Structure formats: C-alpha cells, structure tokens
PDB file of N, CA and C in Angstrom:
ATOM      1  N   MET A   1     -49.421  13.732 -21.866  1.00  0.00           N
ATOM      2  CA  MET A   1     -50.388  12.791 -21.081  1.00  0.00           C
ATOM      3  C   MET A   1     -51.291  12.064 -21.747  1.00  0.00           C
ATOM      4  N   CYS A   2     -51.765  10.797 -21.310  1.00  0.00           N
ATOM      5  CA  CYS A   2     -52.599  10.047 -22.146  1.00  0.00           C
ATOM      6  C   CYS A   2     -54.106  10.330 -21.741  1.00  0.00           C
ATOM      7  N   ASP A   3     -55.064  10.099 -22.226  1.00  0.00           N
ATOM      8  CA  ASP A   3     -56.229  10.052 -21.858  1.00  0.00           C
ATOM      9  C   ASP A   3     -56.432   8.873 -21.425  1.00  0.00           C
ATOM     10  N   VAL A   4     -57.072   8.912 -19.916  1.00  0.00           N
ATOM     11  CA  VAL A   4     -57.432   7.527 -19.237  1.00  0.00           C
ATOM     12  C   VAL A   4     -58.548   7.252 -19.827  1.00  0.00           C
ATOM     13  N   ALA A   5     -59.748   7.894 -20.239  1.00  0.00           N
ATOM     14  CA  ALA A   5     -60.843   7.408 -20.598  1.00  0.00           C
ATOM     15  C   ALA A   5     -60.444   6.474 -22.387  1.00  0.00           C
ATOM     16  N   LEU A   6     -59.787   7.033 -22.968  1.00  0.00           N
ATOM     17  CA  LEU A   6     -58.998   6.763 -24.115  1.00  0.00           C
ATOM     18  C   LEU A   6     -58.704   5.330 -23.883  1.00  0.00           C
ATOM     19  N   ALA A   7     -57.469   5.329 -22.698  1.00  0.00           N
ATOM     20  CA  ALA A   7     -56.865   4.019 -22.410  1.00  0.00           C
ATOM     21  C   ALA A   7     -57.989   2.892 -22.114  1.00  0.00           C
ATOM     22  N   ALA A   8     -59.107   3.334 -21.549  1.00  0.00           N
ATOM     23  CA  ALA A   8     -60.415   2.485 -21.193  1.00  0.00           C
ATOM     24  C   ALA A   8     -61.054   1.979 -22.554  1.00  0.00           C
ATOM     25  N   ARG A   9     -61.282   2.906 -23.346  1.00  0.00           N
ATOM     26  CA  ARG A   9     -62.433   2.292 -24.478  1.00  0.00           C
ATOM     27  C   ARG A   9     -61.032   1.658 -25.725  1.00  0.00           C
ATOM     28  N   SER A  10     -59.446   1.757 -24.869  1.00  0.00           N
ATOM     29  CA  SER A  10     -58.814   0.810 -26.077  1.00  0.00           C
ATOM     30  C   SER A  10     -58.323  -0.557 -25.408  1.00  0.00           C
ATOM     31  N   VAL A  11     -59.086  -0.563 -24.391  1.00  0.00           N
ATOM     32  CA  VAL A  11     -58.861  -2.145 -23.361  1.00  0.00           C
ATOM     33  C   VAL A  11     -60.376  -2.955 -23.806  1.00  0.00           C
ATOM     34  N   GLN A  12     -61.541  -1.924 -24.202  1.00  0.00           N
ATOM     35  CA  GLN A  12     -62.635  -2.519 -24.534  1.00  0.00           C
ATOM     36  C   GLN A  12     -62.649  -3.422 -25.988  1.00  0.00           C
ATOM     37  N   GLN A  13     -61.810  -2.394 -26.868  1.00  0.00           N
ATOM     38  CA  GLN A  13     -61.888  -2.328 -28.057  1.00  0.00           C
ATOM     39  C   GLN A  13     -60.311  -3.325 -28.768  1.00  0.00           C
ATOM     40  N   GLY A  14     -60.088  -4.024 -27.372  1.00  0.00           N
ATOM     41  CA  GLY A  14     -59.504  -5.200 -27.370  1.00  0.00           C
ATOM     42  C   GLY A  14     -57.543  -4.234 -28.099  1.00  0.00           C
ATOM     43  N   ASN A  15     -57.661  -3.368 -28.096  1.00  0.00           N
ATOM     44  CA  ASN A  15     -56.418  -2.240 -28.430  1.00  0.00           C
ATOM     45  C   ASN A  15     -55.109  -2.882 -27.933  1.00  0.00           C
ATOM     46  N   ILE A  16     -54.435  -3.477 -28.088  1.00  0.00           N
ATOM     47  CA  ILE A  16     -53.284  -4.003 -27.086  1.00  0.00           C
ATOM     48  C   ILE A  16     -52.086  -3.167 -27.331  1.00  0.00           C
ATOM     49  N   ALA A  17     -51.981  -2.824 -28.328  1.00  0.00           N
ATOM     50  CA  ALA A  17     -50.474  -1.809 -28.341  1.00  0.00           C
ATOM     51  C   ALA A  17     -50.800  -0.230 -27.454  1.00  0.00           C
ATOM     52  N   LYS A  18     -51.837   0.133 -28.143  1.00  0.00           N
ATOM     53  CA  LYS A  18     -52.683   1.394 -27.682  1.00  0.00           C
ATOM     54  C   LYS A  18     -52.631   1.571 -25.789  1.00  0.00           C
ATOM     55  N   ILE A  19     -53.111   0.343 -25.301  1.00  0.00           N
ATOM     56  CA  ILE A  19     -53.397   0.431 -23.802  1.00  0.00           C
ATOM     57  C   ILE A  19     -51.799   0.512 -23.596  1.00  0.00           C
ATOM     58  N   TRP A  20     -50.762  -0.560 -23.972  1.00  0.00           N
ATOM     59  CA  TRP A  20     -49.897  -0.832 -23.208  1.00  0.00           C
ATOM     60  C   TRP A  20     -49.163   0.823 -23.375  1.00  0.00           C
ATOM     61  N   TYR A  21     -49.401   1.585 -24.291  1.00  0.00           N
ATOM     62  CA  TYR A  21     -48.549   2.917 -24.038  1.00  0.00           C
ATOM     63  C   TYR A  21     -49.000   3.709 -22.951  1.00  0.00           C
ATOM     64  N   CYS A  22     -50.623   3.376 -23.523  1.00  0.00           N
ATOM     65  CA  CYS A  22     -51.230   4.302 -22.326  1.00  0.00           C
ATOM     66  C   CYS A  22     -50.644   4.351 -20.653  1.00  0.00           C
ATOM     67  N   VAL A  23     -50.885   2.845 -20.693  1.00  0.00           N
ATOM     68  CA  VAL A  23     -50.230   2.738 -19.219  1.00  0.00           C
ATOM     69  C   VAL A  23     -48.642   3.356 -18.886  1.00  0.00           C
ATOM     70  N   HIS A  24     -47.713   3.244 -19.632  1.00  0.00           N
ATOM     71  CA  HIS A  24     -46.451   3.522 -19.624  1.00  0.00           C
ATOM     72  C   HIS A  24     -46.119   4.598 -19.263  1.00  0.00           C
ATOM     73  N   ASP A  25     -47.647   5.774 -20.046  1.00  0.00           N
ATOM     74  CA  ASP A  25     -47.262   7.048 -20.628  1.00  0.00           C
ATOM     75  C   ASP A  25     -47.981   7.765 -18.818  1.00  0.00           C
ATOM     76  N   VAL A  26     -49.722   6.720 -18.635  1.00  0.00           N
ATOM     77  CA  VAL A  26     -49.821   7.008 -17.480  1.00  0.00           C
ATOM     78  C   VAL A  26     -49.253   7.217 -16.355  1.00  0.00           C
ATOM     79  N   THR A  27     -48.594   6.139 -16.185  1.00  0.00           N
ATOM     80  CA  THR A  27     -47.578   6.103 -15.161  1.00  0.00           C
ATOM     81  C   THR A  27     -46.662   8.020 -14.329  1.00  0.00           C
ATOM     82  N   LEU A  28     -46.214   8.386 -15.446  1.00  0.00           N
ATOM     83  CA  LEU A  28     -45.420   9.510 -15.190  1.00  0.00           C
ATOM     84  C   LEU A  28     -46.577  10.375 -14.334  1.00  0.00           C
ATOM     85  N   HIS A  29     -47.733  10.192 -14.687  1.00  0.00           N
ATOM     86  CA  HIS A  29     -48.660  11.629 -14.031  1.00  0.00           C
ATOM     87  C   HIS A  29     -49.691  10.971 -13.034  1.00  0.00           C
ATOM     88  N   VAL A  30     -49.043   9.777 -12.147  1.00  0.00           N
ATOM     89  CA  VAL A  30     -49.895   9.190 -11.347  1.00  0.00           C
ATOM     90  C   VAL A  30     -50.521   9.798 -10.300  1.00  0.00           C
ATOM     91  N   ARG A  31     -49.647  11.351 -10.041  1.00  0.00           N
ATOM     92  CA  ARG A  31     -50.160  12.128  -9.126  1.00  0.00           C
ATOM     93  C   ARG A  31     -51.601  12.765  -9.169  1.00  0.00           C
ATOM     94  N   ASP A  32     -51.513  12.767 -10.334  1.00  0.00           N
ATOM     95  CA  ASP A  32     -53.458  12.922 -11.390  1.00  0.00           C
ATOM     96  C   ASP A  32     -54.568  11.767 -10.974  1.00  0.00           C
ATOM     97  N   MET A  33     -54.119  10.517 -10.208  1.00  0.00           N
ATOM     98  CA  MET A  33     -55.013   9.491 -10.201  1.00  0.00           C
ATOM     99  C   MET A  33     -55.366   9.099  -9.123  1.00  0.00           C
ATOM    100  N   THR A  34     -56.530   8.950  -9.186  1.00  0.00           N
ATOM    101  CA  THR A  34     -57.017   8.128  -7.673  1.00  0.00           C
ATOM    102  C   THR A  34     -56.227   6.494  -7.654  1.00  0.00           C
ATOM    103  N   PRO A  35     -56.426   6.649  -6.013  1.00  0.00           N
ATOM    104  CA  PRO A  35     -55.513   5.725  -5.907  1.00  0.00           C
ATOM    105  C   PRO A  35     -55.746   4.112  -6.462  1.00  0.00           C
ATOM    106  N   HIS A  36     -57.394   3.979  -6.912  1.00  0.00           N
ATOM    107  CA  HIS A  36     -57.383   2.099  -7.524  1.00  0.00           C
ATOM    108  C   HIS A  36     -57.138   3.309  -8.861  1.00  0.00           C
ATOM    109  N   VAL A  37     -57.173   3.501  -9.673  1.00  0.00           N
ATOM    110  CA  VAL A  37     -56.614   3.889 -10.981  1.00  0.00           C
ATOM    111  C   VAL A  37     -55.417   3.412 -10.909  1.00  0.00           C
ATOM    112  N   ARG A  38     -54.016   4.527  -9.791  1.00  0.00           N
ATOM    113  CA  ARG A  38     -53.302   4.103  -9.541  1.00  0.00           C
ATOM    114  C   ARG A  38     -52.831   2.720  -9.804  1.00  0.00           C
ATOM    115  N   ASP A  39     -53.658   2.129  -8.430  1.00  0.00           N
ATOM    116  CA  ASP A  39     -53.265   0.646  -8.505  1.00  0.00           C
ATOM    117  C   ASP A  39     -52.880  -0.133  -9.777  1.00  0.00           C
ATOM    118  N   VAL A  40     -54.921   0.135 -10.487  1.00  0.00           N
ATOM    119  CA  VAL A  40     -54.414  -0.936 -11.407  1.00  0.00           C
ATOM    120  C   VAL A  40     -53.639  -0.536 -12.338  1.00  0.00           C
ATOM    121  N   LEU A  41     -52.855   0.399 -12.887  1.00  0.00           N
ATOM    122  CA  LEU A  41     -51.921   0.683 -13.724  1.00  0.00           C
ATOM    123  C   LEU A  41     -50.919   0.027 -13.608  1.00  0.00           C
ATOM    124  N   LYS A  42     -50.328   0.538 -12.138  1.00  0.00           N
ATOM    125  CA  LYS A  42     -49.189  -0.636 -11.857  1.00  0.00           C
ATOM    126  C   LYS A  42     -49.174  -1.952 -11.942  1.00  0.00           C
ATOM    127  N   ARG A  43     -50.293  -2.303 -11.431  1.00  0.00           N
ATOM    128  CA  ARG A  43     -50.407  -4.021 -11.475  1.00  0.00           C
ATOM    129  C   ARG A  43     -50.141  -4.450 -13.285  1.00  0.00           C
ATOM    130  N   VAL A  44     -50.994  -3.209 -13.948  1.00  0.00           N
ATOM    131  CA  VAL A  44     -51.002  -3.512 -15.481  1.00  0.00           C
ATOM    132  C   VAL A  44     -49.520  -3.596 -16.144  1.00  0.00           C
ATOM    133  N   ARG A  45     -48.844  -2.660 -15.116  1.00  0.00           N
ATOM    134  CA  ARG A  45     -47.521  -2.372 -15.952  1.00  0.00           C
ATOM    135  C   ARG A  45     -46.652  -3.736 -15.493  1.00  0.00           C
ATOM    136  N   ASP A  46     -46.479  -4.261 -14.239  1.00  0.00           N
ATOM    137  CA  ASP A  46     -46.106  -5.116 -13.713  1.00  0.00           C
ATOM    138  C   ASP A  46     -46.124  -6.552 -14.143  1.00  0.00           C
ATOM    139  N   CYS A  47     -47.360  -6.689 -14.443  1.00  0.00           N
ATOM    140  CA  CYS A  47     -48.039  -7.933 -15.470  1.00  0.00           C
ATOM    141  C   CYS A  47     -47.720  -8.098 -16.575  1.00  0.00           C
ATOM    142  N   GLY A  48     -47.740  -6.927 -16.964  1.00  0.00           N
ATOM    143  CA  GLY A  48     -48.072  -6.904 -18.564  1.00  0.00           C
ATOM    144  C   GLY A  48     -49.889  -6.757 -18.899  1.00  0.00           C
ATOM    145  N   VAL A  49     -49.960  -6.679 -19.833  1.00  0.00           N
ATOM    146  CA  VAL A  49     -51.716  -6.285 -20.689  1.00  0.00           C
ATOM    147  C   VAL A  49     -52.128  -7.957 -20.782  1.00  0.00           C
ATOM    148  N   THR A  50     -52.775  -8.448 -20.008  1.00  0.00           N
ATOM    149  CA  THR A  50     -53.308  -9.933 -20.440  1.00  0.00           C
ATOM    150  C   THR A  50     -54.577  -9.568 -20.466  1.00  0.00           C
ATOM    151  N   ARG A  51     -55.824 -11.015 -20.879  1.00  0.00           N
ATOM    152  CA  ARG A  51     -57.104 -10.543 -21.035  1.00  0.00           C
ATOM    153  C   ARG A  51     -57.425 -10.388 -19.278  1.00  0.00           C
ATOM    154  N   VAL A  52     -57.096 -11.138 -18.315  1.00  0.00           N
ATOM    155  CA  VAL A  52     -57.505 -11.066 -16.779  1.00  0.00           C
ATOM    156  C   VAL A  52     -57.291  -9.505 -16.769  1.00  0.00           C
ATOM    157  N   MET A  53     -56.082  -8.754 -16.989  1.00  0.00           N
ATOM    158  CA  MET A  53     -55.736  -6.956 -16.665  1.00  0.00           C
ATOM    159  C   MET A  53     -57.088  -6.193 -17.635  1.00  0.00           C
ATOM    160  N   GLN A  54     -57.127  -6.671 -18.723  1.00  0.00           N
ATOM    161  CA  GLN A  54     -57.956  -5.785 -19.271  1.00  0.00           C
ATOM    162  C   GLN A  54     -59.727  -6.100 -18.536  1.00  0.00           C
ATOM    163  N   ARG A  55     -59.863  -7.209 -17.816  1.00  0.00           N
ATOM    164  CA  ARG A  55     -61.305  -7.063 -17.328  1.00  0.00           C
ATOM    165  C   ARG A  55     -61.016  -6.361 -16.233  1.00  0.00           C
ATOM    166  N   VAL A  56     -60.032  -6.151 -15.578  1.00  0.00           N
ATOM    167  CA  VAL A  56     -59.606  -5.439 -14.121  1.00  0.00           C
ATOM    168  C   VAL A  56     -59.814  -4.042 -14.564  1.00  0.00           C
ATOM    169  N   LEU A  57     -59.386  -3.650 -15.689  1.00  0.00           N
ATOM    170  CA  LEU A  57     -59.137  -2.039 -16.373  1.00  0.00           C
ATOM    171  C   LEU A  57     -60.745  -1.932 -16.749  1.00  0.00           C
ATOM    172  N   ILE A  58     -61.257  -2.808 -17.466  1.00  0.00           N
ATOM    173  CA  ILE A  58     -63.244  -2.234 -17.957  1.00  0.00           C
ATOM    174  C   ILE A  58     -63.622  -2.197 -16.586  1.00  0.00           C
ATOM    175  N   GLY A  59     -63.378  -2.620 -15.222  1.00  0.00           N
ATOM    176  CA  GLY A  59     -64.392  -2.671 -14.000  1.00  0.00           C
ATOM    177  C   GLY A  59     -63.717  -1.132 -13.182  1.00  0.00           C
ATOM    178  N   CYS A  60     -62.733  -0.853 -13.930  1.00  0.00           N
ATOM    179  CA  CYS A  60     -61.962   0.430 -13.183  1.00  0.00           C
ATOM    180  C   CYS A  60     -62.778   1.494 -13.263  1.00  0.00           C
ATOM    181  N   ASP A  61     -62.893   2.337 -12.100  1.00  0.00           N
ATOM    182  CA  ASP A  61     -63.394   3.664 -11.865  1.00  0.00           C
ATOM    183  C   ASP A  61     -62.294   4.504 -12.827  1.00  0.00           C
ATOM    184  N   PHE A  62     -62.266   5.186 -13.869  1.00  0.00           N
ATOM    185  CA  PHE A  62     -61.827   5.802 -14.973  1.00  0.00           C
ATOM    186  C   PHE A  62     -61.600   7.441 -14.417  1.00  0.00           C
ATOM    187  N   ASP A  63     -62.338   7.644 -12.975  1.00  0.00           N
ATOM    188  CA  ASP A  63     -62.390   9.476 -12.968  1.00  0.00           C
ATOM    189  C   ASP A  63     -61.373   9.009 -12.118  1.00  0.00           C
ATOM    190  N   THR A  64     -60.505  10.658 -12.751  1.00  0.00           N
ATOM    191  CA  THR A  64     -59.567  10.992 -11.969  1.00  0.00           C
ATOM    192  C   THR A  64     -59.081  12.436 -11.386  1.00  0.00           C
ATOM    193  N   LYS A  65     -60.194  12.669 -10.916  1.00  0.00           N
ATOM    194  CA  LYS A  65     -61.100  13.694 -10.540  1.00  0.00           C
ATOM    195  C   LYS A  65     -60.179  13.459  -8.589  1.00  0.00           C
TER     196      LYS A  65
END
C-alpha cells in the first residue's frame, strides 16, 4: 500500500511519476481513506496529474484514520 503522506510530499516536490504511481496504488485501498481523500484521489486518477490537481492534493487533509 502506498504511503499517502509520501504521495503528498512527492506532489510538493514535483515528482509526477511517484504521485501517479501512488494514486493508482492507493485506489486499491480506498476503504482505509477518508471520503475527502478518496474523492481527491479519484479526481486525480480520472483527470490525470496536472498542476491544478497538485494544488488540490497539497491542500488535502491526508489523515487516513
């Protein structure tokens, strides 16, 4: 399972390949996510990773509890 915090850091560092991998991996475990995180990840998966999506992710609450 991808570390969502790692995904967030990867976005902030501009590591598109890593966040793209993480988004696809995380979607296999969405039951462990908050609804907001699940929605953000779904939108990223559906739209592809763009600068707009990066900003959405950076502003997202990545609490998975």
